[in-house]
Amino acid sequence: MEADYVLVFVSGEQLNVESPEPYYLLRGGGDESKKQWFIRIAEEPLGKYLHADGISGTKHFWEN
């Protein structure tokens, strides 16, 4: 892959607990639902990374 940039997106929720340090719960719900737009911006074929439903990632998506 000849990339100039790599995007790492982390989605988290701050927990409301009494503590001197903030606590966060990391899980889904972020921009993974917009992956088809990232694929389009990269000018890659959608079918290479997404199944026909336009949401589910192909084996290539998850392994690369």
N, C-alpha and C. Protein backbone atom coordinates (compact mmCIF):
# COMPACT_ATOMS: atom_id res chain seq x y z
N MET A 1 0.84 -1.16 0.00
CA MET A 1 0.00 0.00 0.00
C MET A 1 0.90 1.23 0.00
N GLU A 2 0.70 2.08 -0.96
CA GLU A 2 1.45 3.33 -1.02
C GLU A 2 0.57 4.45 -0.48
N ALA A 3 0.61 4.62 0.83
CA ALA A 3 -0.26 5.60 1.49
C ALA A 3 0.56 6.77 2.02
N ASP A 4 -0.02 7.94 1.92
CA ASP A 4 0.58 9.12 2.53
C ASP A 4 0.08 9.31 3.96
N TYR A 5 -1.12 8.79 4.23
CA TYR A 5 -1.74 8.96 5.54
C TYR A 5 -2.38 7.65 5.98
N VAL A 6 -2.43 7.45 7.28
CA VAL A 6 -3.16 6.33 7.87
C VAL A 6 -4.09 6.92 8.91
N LEU A 7 -5.37 6.58 8.83
CA LEU A 7 -6.36 7.10 9.76
C LEU A 7 -6.69 6.04 10.80
N VAL A 8 -6.57 6.41 12.05
CA VAL A 8 -6.96 5.52 13.15
C VAL A 8 -8.06 6.24 13.91
N PHE A 9 -9.22 5.62 13.99
CA PHE A 9 -10.36 6.23 14.65
C PHE A 9 -10.74 5.39 15.85
N VAL A 10 -10.85 6.01 17.01
CA VAL A 10 -11.23 5.32 18.23
C VAL A 10 -12.49 5.99 18.76
N SER A 11 -13.48 5.18 19.09
CA SER A 11 -14.73 5.69 19.62
C SER A 11 -14.83 5.30 21.09
N GLY A 12 -15.17 6.25 21.93
CA GLY A 12 -15.26 5.95 23.35
C GLY A 12 -16.37 6.74 24.03
N GLU A 13 -16.73 6.26 25.20
CA GLU A 13 -17.76 6.92 26.01
C GLU A 13 -17.17 7.15 27.39
N GLN A 14 -17.26 8.37 27.89
CA GLN A 14 -16.74 8.65 29.22
C GLN A 14 -17.75 8.16 30.25
N LEU A 15 -17.29 7.37 31.21
CA LEU A 15 -18.16 6.84 32.25
C LEU A 15 -18.30 7.86 33.37
N ASN A 16 -19.49 7.93 33.94
CA ASN A 16 -19.78 8.86 35.01
C ASN A 16 -19.54 8.16 36.35
N VAL A 17 -18.28 8.09 36.77
CA VAL A 17 -17.91 7.46 38.03
C VAL A 17 -17.08 8.44 38.85
N GLU A 18 -17.19 8.32 40.17
CA GLU A 18 -16.40 9.18 41.04
C GLU A 18 -14.99 8.63 41.13
N SER A 19 -14.07 9.36 40.55
CA SER A 19 -12.68 8.94 40.51
C SER A 19 -11.82 10.14 40.16
N PRO A 20 -10.61 10.19 40.69
CA PRO A 20 -9.73 11.31 40.31
C PRO A 20 -9.30 11.23 38.84
N GLU A 21 -9.38 10.05 38.25
CA GLU A 21 -9.02 9.86 36.84
C GLU A 21 -10.28 9.57 36.03
N PRO A 22 -10.40 10.11 34.83
CA PRO A 22 -11.57 9.79 33.99
C PRO A 22 -11.47 8.36 33.46
N TYR A 23 -12.60 7.70 33.35
CA TYR A 23 -12.67 6.35 32.79
C TYR A 23 -13.47 6.40 31.50
N TYR A 24 -13.00 5.65 30.51
CA TYR A 24 -13.65 5.60 29.21
C TYR A 24 -13.92 4.15 28.83
N LEU A 25 -15.04 3.93 28.16
CA LEU A 25 -15.39 2.62 27.64
C LEU A 25 -15.22 2.69 26.12
N LEU A 26 -14.29 1.89 25.60
CA LEU A 26 -14.03 1.87 24.16
C LEU A 26 -14.82 0.74 23.53
N ARG A 27 -15.56 1.05 22.48
CA ARG A 27 -16.37 0.05 21.78
C ARG A 27 -16.82 0.61 20.45
N GLY A 28 -17.66 -0.12 19.76
CA GLY A 28 -18.16 0.31 18.46
C GLY A 28 -19.09 1.50 18.58
N GLY A 29 -19.55 1.97 17.42
CA GLY A 29 -20.49 3.08 17.42
C GLY A 29 -19.89 4.36 16.87
N GLY A 30 -18.69 4.28 16.38
CA GLY A 30 -18.04 5.46 15.83
C GLY A 30 -18.19 5.51 14.32
N ASP A 31 -17.14 5.90 13.66
CA ASP A 31 -17.17 6.08 12.21
C ASP A 31 -17.03 4.80 11.40
N GLU A 32 -17.03 3.64 12.07
CA GLU A 32 -16.98 2.42 11.27
C GLU A 32 -18.21 2.30 10.37
N SER A 33 -19.28 3.00 10.72
CA SER A 33 -20.47 3.00 9.87
C SER A 33 -20.27 3.85 8.62
N LYS A 34 -19.19 4.62 8.58
CA LYS A 34 -18.90 5.46 7.42
C LYS A 34 -17.75 4.91 6.58
N LYS A 35 -17.42 3.65 6.78
CA LYS A 35 -16.27 3.07 6.07
C LYS A 35 -16.44 3.12 4.57
N GLN A 36 -17.68 3.04 4.06
CA GLN A 36 -17.87 3.11 2.61
C GLN A 36 -17.42 4.47 2.07
N TRP A 37 -17.55 5.53 2.87
CA TRP A 37 -17.08 6.85 2.43
C TRP A 37 -15.57 6.92 2.42
N PHE A 38 -14.93 6.30 3.40
CA PHE A 38 -13.47 6.26 3.41
C PHE A 38 -12.95 5.48 2.20
N ILE A 39 -13.65 4.41 1.84
CA ILE A 39 -13.26 3.61 0.67
C ILE A 39 -13.41 4.45 -0.61
N ARG A 40 -14.50 5.19 -0.70
CA ARG A 40 -14.71 6.04 -1.88
C ARG A 40 -13.66 7.15 -1.97
N ILE A 41 -13.34 7.77 -0.84
CA ILE A 41 -12.33 8.83 -0.82
C ILE A 41 -10.99 8.28 -1.30
N ALA A 42 -10.69 7.03 -0.92
CA ALA A 42 -9.44 6.40 -1.34
C ALA A 42 -9.50 5.92 -2.79
N GLU A 43 -10.66 6.09 -3.44
CA GLU A 43 -10.88 5.66 -4.83
C GLU A 43 -10.61 4.17 -5.01
N GLU A 44 -11.06 3.38 -4.04
CA GLU A 44 -10.97 1.93 -4.11
C GLU A 44 -12.35 1.38 -4.48
N PRO A 45 -12.41 0.21 -5.13
CA PRO A 45 -13.71 -0.37 -5.46
C PRO A 45 -14.42 -0.86 -4.19
N LEU A 46 -15.68 -0.46 -4.03
CA LEU A 46 -16.44 -0.85 -2.84
C LEU A 46 -16.55 -2.36 -2.68
N GLY A 47 -16.76 -3.07 -3.79
CA GLY A 47 -16.92 -4.52 -3.74
C GLY A 47 -15.71 -5.27 -3.23
N LYS A 48 -14.57 -4.64 -3.26
CA LYS A 48 -13.35 -5.26 -2.75
C LYS A 48 -13.38 -5.32 -1.22
N TYR A 49 -14.06 -4.36 -0.60
CA TYR A 49 -14.06 -4.24 0.85
C TYR A 49 -15.42 -4.48 1.51
N LEU A 50 -16.52 -4.33 0.75
CA LEU A 50 -17.85 -4.47 1.33
C LEU A 50 -18.67 -5.51 0.60
N HIS A 51 -19.50 -6.23 1.35
CA HIS A 51 -20.45 -7.16 0.74
C HIS A 51 -21.57 -6.35 0.07
N ALA A 52 -22.46 -7.04 -0.61
CA ALA A 52 -23.53 -6.38 -1.38
C ALA A 52 -24.44 -5.51 -0.51
N ASP A 53 -24.52 -5.79 0.80
CA ASP A 53 -25.37 -4.97 1.67
C ASP A 53 -24.80 -3.57 1.91
N GLY A 54 -23.54 -3.35 1.50
CA GLY A 54 -22.91 -2.05 1.65
C GLY A 54 -22.46 -1.72 3.06
N ILE A 55 -22.59 -2.68 3.97
CA ILE A 55 -22.25 -2.45 5.37
C ILE A 55 -21.20 -3.44 5.86
N SER A 56 -21.44 -4.72 5.60
CA SER A 56 -20.57 -5.78 6.12
C SER A 56 -19.26 -5.83 5.35
N GLY A 57 -18.16 -5.90 6.12
CA GLY A 57 -16.84 -5.96 5.50
C GLY A 57 -16.51 -7.34 4.97
N THR A 58 -15.83 -7.38 3.82
CA THR A 58 -15.40 -8.65 3.23
C THR A 58 -14.18 -9.17 3.99
N LYS A 59 -13.76 -10.38 3.66
CA LYS A 59 -12.57 -10.95 4.27
C LYS A 59 -11.36 -10.04 4.00
N HIS A 60 -11.30 -9.50 2.78
CA HIS A 60 -10.20 -8.59 2.44
C HIS A 60 -10.21 -7.35 3.34
N PHE A 61 -11.39 -6.82 3.62
CA PHE A 61 -11.52 -5.65 4.50
C PHE A 61 -10.93 -5.94 5.87
N TRP A 62 -11.29 -7.07 6.46
CA TRP A 62 -10.87 -7.39 7.82
C TRP A 62 -9.42 -7.83 7.91
N GLU A 63 -8.88 -8.37 6.84
CA GLU A 63 -7.52 -8.89 6.91
C GLU A 63 -6.47 -7.93 6.37
N ASN A 64 -6.91 -6.85 5.75
CA ASN A 64 -5.96 -5.89 5.19
C ASN A 64 -6.22 -4.54 5.79
